[in-house]
């Protein structure tokens, strides 16, 4: 999780750094990392999982007024629909529209 734990930091050639023992998908910079860096890593991990599994992911983004908008994952294209907070939604998206 932290730079010193997964990449070694000052202890790069020490025997107990995580990435030499366990495969690491995403490195989070900072020792300790900021909350924003951890949340960004979680989002990247979810996107990577969706791509690997072929799952269409939808994301909620809030504008300056606090209104929520459904946006499509830009790595995917096609149609998606579902239920969010009791509200049904449907969205068509394409990378090259």
Protein backbone atom coordinates (compact mmCIF):
# COMPACT_ATOMS: atom_id res chain seq x y z
CA UNK A 1 0.00 0.00 0.00
CA UNK A 2 2.58 2.62 0.92
CA UNK A 3 5.62 3.41 -1.18
CA UNK A 4 8.01 2.11 1.46
CA UNK A 5 6.05 -1.13 1.84
CA UNK A 6 5.57 -2.02 -1.82
CA UNK A 7 8.60 -0.55 -3.57
CA UNK A 8 11.07 -0.39 -0.75
CA UNK A 9 11.61 3.35 -0.57
CA UNK A 10 14.83 3.69 1.37
CA UNK A 11 14.93 -0.09 1.80
CA UNK A 12 14.67 -1.01 -1.91
CA UNK A 13 17.13 -3.90 -1.68
CA UNK A 14 15.79 -5.17 1.64
CA UNK A 15 14.29 -8.68 1.58
CA UNK A 16 10.78 -7.89 2.83
CA UNK A 17 9.31 -5.48 0.28
CA UNK A 18 5.84 -6.55 -0.81
CA UNK A 19 6.19 -6.39 -4.60
CA UNK A 20 8.92 -9.03 -4.57
CA UNK A 21 6.64 -11.49 -2.77
CA UNK A 22 3.07 -10.67 -3.87
CA UNK A 23 2.02 -9.39 -7.33
CA UNK A 24 1.05 -5.71 -7.15
CA UNK A 25 -1.50 -4.25 -9.61
CA UNK A 26 -1.52 -0.62 -8.54
CA UNK A 27 1.09 1.39 -6.70
CA UNK A 28 -0.18 4.18 -4.45
CA UNK A 29 2.42 6.92 -4.00
CA UNK A 30 3.17 8.46 -0.64
CA UNK A 31 4.34 7.23 2.70
CA UNK A 32 1.67 7.44 4.02
CA UNK A 33 -0.54 8.04 0.95
CA UNK A 34 -3.23 10.71 0.98
CA UNK A 35 -6.91 9.78 1.15
CA UNK A 36 -7.37 11.04 -2.42
CA UNK A 37 -4.56 8.78 -3.66
CA UNK A 38 -6.15 5.76 -1.99
CA UNK A 39 -9.60 6.51 -3.45
CA UNK A 40 -8.09 7.05 -6.90
CA UNK A 41 -6.35 3.67 -6.62
CA UNK A 42 -9.65 2.00 -5.69
CA UNK A 43 -11.35 3.54 -8.76
CA UNK A 44 -8.47 2.41 -11.00
CA UNK A 45 -8.70 -1.09 -9.55
CA UNK A 46 -12.46 -1.25 -10.16
CA UNK A 47 -11.99 -0.06 -13.76
CA UNK A 48 -9.25 -2.63 -14.32
CA UNK A 49 -11.49 -5.38 -12.93
CA UNK A 50 -14.40 -4.29 -15.14
CA UNK A 51 -12.17 -4.36 -18.22
CA UNK A 52 -10.73 -7.78 -17.41
CA UNK A 53 -14.14 -9.30 -16.70
CA UNK A 54 -15.92 -7.56 -19.58
CA UNK A 55 -18.31 -5.78 -17.23
CA UNK A 56 -19.84 -2.48 -18.32
CA UNK A 57 -19.20 0.05 -15.57
CA UNK A 58 -21.21 3.20 -14.94
CA UNK A 59 -19.99 6.05 -12.76
CA UNK A 60 -21.77 8.86 -10.95
CA UNK A 61 -20.24 12.33 -11.20
CA UNK A 62 -21.44 15.40 -9.30
CA UNK A 63 -21.38 18.81 -10.96
CA UNK A 64 -20.68 22.15 -9.28
CA UNK A 65 -24.31 22.37 -8.13
CA UNK A 66 -24.15 18.97 -6.44
CA UNK A 67 -26.40 17.29 -9.02
CA UNK A 68 -25.49 13.70 -9.83
CA UNK A 69 -24.98 12.67 -13.45
CA UNK A 70 -24.55 9.15 -14.74
CA UNK A 71 -21.47 8.87 -16.93
CA UNK A 72 -20.19 5.85 -18.79
CA UNK A 73 -16.76 4.38 -18.34
CA UNK A 74 -14.80 5.75 -21.27
CA UNK A 75 -12.98 2.47 -21.77
CA UNK A 76 -16.23 0.75 -22.78
CA UNK A 77 -18.89 1.31 -25.36
CA UNK A 78 -22.39 -0.02 -25.82
CA UNK A 79 -25.60 0.27 -23.84
CA UNK A 80 -26.16 -0.11 -20.15
CA UNK A 81 -29.13 0.08 -17.84
CA UNK A 82 -29.85 -0.62 -14.22
CA UNK A 83 -31.27 0.57 -10.93
CA UNK A 84 -29.67 3.24 -8.78
CA UNK A 85 -31.30 4.41 -5.56
CA UNK A 86 -34.72 3.23 -6.70
CA UNK A 87 -34.41 5.08 -10.03
CA UNK A 88 -34.13 3.11 -13.26
CA UNK A 89 -31.65 4.40 -15.80
CA UNK A 90 -30.61 3.60 -19.32
CA UNK A 91 -27.62 5.02 -21.15
CA UNK A 92 -26.08 4.49 -24.57
CA UNK A 93 -22.50 5.49 -25.08
CA UNK A 94 -19.75 5.22 -27.65
CA UNK A 95 -16.09 6.14 -27.69
CA UNK A 96 -16.27 7.80 -31.08
CA UNK A 97 -19.60 9.63 -31.03
